[in-house]
Structures are given as structure tokens and as C-alpha cells.
Amino acid sequence: MEIRPIRTKADYRAALQEIEGLMSAGPNTPEGERLDILATLVEAYENKHYRFDLPDPVDAIKFRMEQMELAPKDLVPMIGRINRVYEILNRKRPLTLAMIQRLHSKLGIPAESLIKQSDRHRAA
């Protein structure tokens, strides 16, 4: 069982192709163990070469609203009065820690996305 580090795009593509062939491997089998190792190597390669920035907090909120078919009034329990909701959605006011905690717990938005300062508030 020869497994090497993934250093190039060709290595990456070959590992993905091999993973595809091992997807039906059972746990605790040589094939299943090979799948686990290759998946770990691919994940490490992707983390190094394909970094994605977290979305802006407002973009994350709007995306979740769209997914859950929510209207701004549905955010009142998490943010406060409706005018405060619109201030947040229009990037006129930053989120508070309490808002972040409620949005995370009630809507499942990753806290990391909500904590990130938007470019507009960073410049202020």
C-alpha cells in the first residue's frame, strides 16, 4: 500500500479518482483504510491550495434567510426591533455579540461567518 503526499495538481486529480473508486469500501478493511488516508491527504491539499474566505456576516444572514424563506421581520427575535434588523441588513450597524449568539443558535449560521467584520465597518 504505497501512499505518497499530494504535491501537484496531477497528484490531486489521481487521488480524487482513486477515492471515487473506493467510495463503496467498507470500514475496517484495507480499502476503507486507504480511503481514509487518501481523503485526509486530499483535505490537507485543498486546505492549502483552495482557501475560501468566509462570507461577509450580512451576506451569510441573507443567504440563510433565502434558504429558510425568512423575511426581515423573522429576524426580530434575534436582532431586535425591525428598524434594527434593517440597519444590520443594510450594513448601517454592526452585529453585537448577543445578536451573533442568537443568529448562530437559532439559524445555524457559523459563528465564524458572523464574527468576521464587514469591509464597510472595518474602514469606519
Protein backbone atom coordinates (compact mmCIF):
# COMPACT_ATOMS: atom_id res chain seq x y z
CA MET A 1 0.00 0.00 0.00
CA GLU A 2 2.08 2.89 -1.28
CA ILE A 3 0.64 6.30 -0.47
CA ARG A 4 2.58 9.47 -1.21
CA PRO A 5 1.98 13.12 -0.34
CA ILE A 6 -0.12 15.13 -2.77
CA ARG A 7 2.18 17.82 -4.14
CA THR A 8 0.85 18.64 -7.61
CA LYS A 9 -2.48 19.03 -9.37
CA ALA A 10 -1.80 15.75 -11.15
CA ASP A 11 -1.31 14.01 -7.78
CA TYR A 12 -4.51 15.66 -6.55
CA ARG A 13 -6.55 14.51 -9.56
CA ALA A 14 -5.16 10.98 -9.27
CA ALA A 15 -6.08 10.85 -5.57
CA LEU A 16 -9.62 12.06 -6.31
CA GLN A 17 -10.00 9.42 -9.00
CA GLU A 18 -8.80 6.71 -6.63
CA ILE A 19 -11.13 7.96 -3.88
CA GLU A 20 -14.04 7.71 -6.30
CA GLY A 21 -13.23 4.05 -6.86
CA LEU A 22 -13.00 3.39 -3.12
CA MET A 23 -16.28 5.05 -2.10
CA SER A 24 -18.01 1.72 -1.58
CA ALA A 25 -15.22 0.36 0.62
CA GLY A 26 -16.33 -0.96 3.98
CA PRO A 27 -14.95 0.25 7.29
CA ASN A 28 -12.05 -1.63 8.85
CA THR A 29 -10.97 -3.06 5.51
CA PRO A 30 -7.71 -2.32 3.69
CA GLU A 31 -9.72 -0.40 1.07
CA GLY A 32 -11.57 1.57 3.75
CA GLU A 33 -8.31 2.48 5.46
CA ARG A 34 -6.82 3.57 2.13
CA LEU A 35 -9.91 5.71 1.52
CA ASP A 36 -9.50 7.38 4.95
CA ILE A 37 -5.83 8.14 4.32
CA LEU A 38 -6.40 9.48 0.81
CA ALA A 39 -9.32 11.63 2.00
CA THR A 40 -7.09 13.13 4.71
CA LEU A 41 -4.35 13.89 2.17
CA VAL A 42 -6.84 15.46 -0.25
CA GLU A 43 -8.33 17.58 2.54
CA ALA A 44 -4.86 18.83 3.52
CA TYR A 45 -4.06 19.67 -0.11
CA GLU A 46 -7.37 21.52 -0.57
CA ASN A 47 -6.91 23.49 2.65
CA LYS A 48 -3.51 24.63 1.45
CA HIS A 49 -4.35 25.36 -2.18
CA TYR A 50 -8.05 26.21 -2.28
CA ARG A 51 -8.69 28.56 0.63
CA PHE A 52 -12.10 30.18 0.67
CA ASP A 53 -12.76 33.35 2.61
CA LEU A 54 -15.68 33.39 4.96
CA PRO A 55 -18.69 35.30 3.68
CA ASP A 56 -19.47 38.76 4.96
CA PRO A 57 -21.80 38.50 8.02
CA VAL A 58 -24.66 40.25 6.22
CA ASP A 59 -24.24 38.05 3.16
CA ALA A 60 -24.32 34.98 5.44
CA ILE A 61 -27.54 36.21 7.08
CA LYS A 62 -29.19 37.00 3.74
CA PHE A 63 -28.17 33.59 2.35
CA ARG A 64 -29.72 31.81 5.34
CA MET A 65 -32.85 33.96 5.05
CA GLU A 66 -33.18 32.91 1.43
CA GLN A 67 -32.60 29.24 2.29
CA MET A 68 -35.20 29.30 5.06
CA GLU A 69 -37.58 31.65 3.21
CA LEU A 70 -37.42 34.21 6.03
CA ALA A 71 -38.47 37.83 5.89
CA PRO A 72 -36.72 40.61 7.82
CA LYS A 73 -39.49 40.51 10.44
CA ASP A 74 -38.47 36.91 11.22
CA LEU A 75 -35.10 38.21 12.47
CA VAL A 76 -36.66 40.45 15.14
CA PRO A 77 -36.28 37.84 17.93
CA MET A 78 -32.58 37.52 17.15
CA ILE A 79 -31.63 41.11 16.33
CA GLY A 80 -34.20 43.41 17.91
CA ARG A 81 -36.76 45.82 16.55
CA ILE A 82 -37.47 45.80 12.83
CA ASN A 83 -35.59 49.06 12.28
CA ARG A 84 -32.50 47.44 13.86
CA VAL A 85 -32.90 44.46 11.52
CA TYR A 86 -32.88 46.79 8.51
CA GLU A 87 -29.85 48.67 9.87
CA ILE A 88 -27.97 45.36 10.08
CA LEU A 89 -29.12 44.14 6.65
CA ASN A 90 -28.15 47.50 5.09
CA ARG A 91 -24.76 47.43 6.83
CA LYS A 92 -25.50 50.61 8.78
CA ARG A 93 -24.81 48.92 12.12
CA PRO A 94 -22.51 46.03 13.12
CA LEU A 95 -23.75 42.91 14.85
CA THR A 96 -23.40 42.74 18.62
CA LEU A 97 -22.13 39.65 20.41
CA ALA A 98 -25.66 38.89 21.65
CA MET A 99 -27.03 39.10 18.09
CA ILE A 100 -24.25 36.82 16.84
CA GLN A 101 -25.02 34.24 19.52
CA ARG A 102 -28.76 34.27 18.78
CA LEU A 103 -28.30 34.11 14.99
CA HIS A 104 -25.87 31.24 15.41
CA SER A 105 -28.08 29.24 17.76
CA LYS A 106 -31.44 29.89 16.07
CA LEU A 107 -30.44 29.92 12.39
CA GLY A 108 -27.33 27.74 12.49
CA ILE A 109 -25.14 30.34 10.79
CA PRO A 110 -21.50 29.55 11.58
CA ALA A 111 -20.26 31.93 14.27
CA GLU A 112 -17.02 32.41 12.31
CA SER A 113 -19.02 33.99 9.48
CA LEU A 114 -20.94 36.26 11.81
CA ILE A 115 -17.85 37.41 13.71
CA LYS A 116 -15.97 38.49 10.60
CA GLN A 117 -16.06 42.26 10.26
CA SER A 118 -17.55 43.50 7.04
CA ASP A 119 -15.28 45.68 4.90
CA ARG A 120 -17.56 48.66 5.41
CA HIS A 121 -17.31 48.52 9.24
CA ARG A 122 -13.58 47.81 9.14
CA ALA A 123 -12.97 51.06 7.29
CA ALA A 124 -15.01 53.13 9.74
